[in-house]
Amino acid sequence: MQFEIRENSRSLWSWVLLNDTAEPVVESRRNFPSRAQAAAAALAFSQLVARAGRTLSGGPRQVGFL
């Protein structure tokens, strides 16, 4: 999977997570005023997903933000 940062027609940016066949898995629900902000939001989302994946192992749950 990979993230793609996209610009729409109004010079706003969003991110989309694509699977191995380039199909969208999930897309950002909001637009961002810059490419850098969209990329930062994609990175934050990926970290939240990674943390959620670690909970599948049944280990202790960490409390806090990122």
C-alpha atoms as a PDB file:
ATOM      1  CA  MET A   1       0.000   0.000   0.000  1.00  0.00           C
ATOM      2  CA  GLN A   2       1.033   3.574  -0.522  1.00  0.00           C
ATOM      3  CA  PHE A   3      -0.241   7.085   0.105  1.00  0.00           C
ATOM      4  CA  GLU A   4      -0.811   9.515  -2.704  1.00  0.00           C
ATOM      5  CA  ILE A   5      -1.208  13.254  -2.190  1.00  0.00           C
ATOM      6  CA  ARG A   6      -3.650  14.811  -4.636  1.00  0.00           C
ATOM      7  CA  GLU A   7      -4.502  18.365  -5.626  1.00  0.00           C
ATOM      8  CA  ASN A   8      -8.075  19.165  -6.543  1.00  0.00           C
ATOM      9  CA  SER A   9      -9.289  21.871  -8.896  1.00  0.00           C
ATOM     10  CA  ARG A  10      -9.485  24.495  -6.144  1.00  0.00           C
ATOM     11  CA  SER A  11      -5.794  24.226  -5.166  1.00  0.00           C
ATOM     12  CA  LEU A  12      -6.666  22.203  -2.087  1.00  0.00           C
ATOM     13  CA  TRP A  13      -4.890  18.976  -1.208  1.00  0.00           C
ATOM     14  CA  SER A  14      -6.001  15.599   0.124  1.00  0.00           C
ATOM     15  CA  TRP A  15      -4.503  12.152   0.611  1.00  0.00           C
ATOM     16  CA  VAL A  16      -5.608   8.702  -0.469  1.00  0.00           C
ATOM     17  CA  LEU A  17      -4.293   5.291   0.591  1.00  0.00           C
ATOM     18  CA  LEU A  18      -4.022   2.934  -2.390  1.00  0.00           C
ATOM     19  CA  ASN A  19      -3.720  -0.843  -2.351  1.00  0.00           C
ATOM     20  CA  ASP A  20      -1.267  -2.823  -4.483  1.00  0.00           C
ATOM     21  CA  THR A  21      -3.531  -2.541  -7.531  1.00  0.00           C
ATOM     22  CA  ALA A  22      -3.902   1.262  -7.141  1.00  0.00           C
ATOM     23  CA  GLU A  23      -7.470   1.034  -5.841  1.00  0.00           C
ATOM     24  CA  PRO A  24      -8.423   3.498  -3.089  1.00  0.00           C
ATOM     25  CA  VAL A  25      -8.663   1.910   0.344  1.00  0.00           C
ATOM     26  CA  VAL A  26      -9.393   5.094   2.286  1.00  0.00           C
ATOM     27  CA  GLU A  27      -9.393   8.801   1.451  1.00  0.00           C
ATOM     28  CA  SER A  28      -9.043  11.840   3.662  1.00  0.00           C
ATOM     29  CA  ARG A  29     -12.373  13.354   4.609  1.00  0.00           C
ATOM     30  CA  ARG A  30     -11.061  16.884   4.443  1.00  0.00           C
ATOM     31  CA  ASN A  31      -8.952  19.067   2.194  1.00  0.00           C
ATOM     32  CA  PHE A  32      -5.803  20.892   3.223  1.00  0.00           C
ATOM     33  CA  PRO A  33      -4.451  24.258   2.063  1.00  0.00           C
ATOM     34  CA  SER A  34      -1.005  22.837   1.260  1.00  0.00           C
ATOM     35  CA  ARG A  35       0.620  19.656   0.035  1.00  0.00           C
ATOM     36  CA  ALA A  36       2.775  19.587   3.180  1.00  0.00           C
ATOM     37  CA  GLN A  37      -0.294  19.642   5.438  1.00  0.00           C
ATOM     38  CA  ALA A  38      -1.932  16.819   3.499  1.00  0.00           C
ATOM     39  CA  ALA A  39       1.266  14.765   3.732  1.00  0.00           C
ATOM     40  CA  ALA A  40       1.494  15.422   7.483  1.00  0.00           C
ATOM     41  CA  ALA A  41      -2.127  14.297   7.910  1.00  0.00           C
ATOM     42  CA  ALA A  42      -1.412  11.099   5.943  1.00  0.00           C
ATOM     43  CA  LEU A  43       1.605  10.411   8.156  1.00  0.00           C
ATOM     44  CA  ALA A  44      -0.459  10.953  11.319  1.00  0.00           C
ATOM     45  CA  PHE A  45      -3.151   8.604   9.985  1.00  0.00           C
ATOM     46  CA  SER A  46      -0.558   5.926   9.190  1.00  0.00           C
ATOM     47  CA  GLN A  47       0.795   6.151  12.754  1.00  0.00           C
ATOM     48  CA  LEU A  48      -2.701   5.731  14.205  1.00  0.00           C
ATOM     49  CA  VAL A  49      -3.300   2.673  12.019  1.00  0.00           C
ATOM     50  CA  ALA A  50       0.057   1.176  13.054  1.00  0.00           C
ATOM     51  CA  ARG A  51      -0.864   1.694  16.705  1.00  0.00           C
ATOM     52  CA  ALA A  52      -4.264   0.087  16.149  1.00  0.00           C
ATOM     53  CA  GLY A  53      -2.548  -2.894  14.507  1.00  0.00           C
ATOM     54  CA  ARG A  54      -0.424  -3.424  17.600  1.00  0.00           C
ATOM     55  CA  THR A  55      -3.587  -3.844  19.680  1.00  0.00           C
ATOM     56  CA  LEU A  56      -4.355  -7.025  17.737  1.00  0.00           C
ATOM     57  CA  SER A  57      -1.523  -8.753  19.562  1.00  0.00           C
ATOM     58  CA  GLY A  58      -3.426  -8.411  22.838  1.00  0.00           C
ATOM     59  CA  GLY A  59      -0.599  -6.515  24.525  1.00  0.00           C
ATOM     60  CA  PRO A  60      -1.075  -3.699  26.998  1.00  0.00           C
ATOM     61  CA  ARG A  61      -2.778  -0.628  25.640  1.00  0.00           C
ATOM     62  CA  GLN A  62      -0.952   2.701  25.776  1.00  0.00           C
ATOM     63  CA  VAL A  63      -2.888   5.790  26.773  1.00  0.00           C
ATOM     64  CA  GLY A  64      -2.191   9.172  25.223  1.00  0.00           C
ATOM     65  CA  PHE A  65      -2.054  10.967  21.923  1.00  0.00           C
ATOM     66  CA  LEU A  66       0.457   9.728  19.341  1.00  0.00           C
END
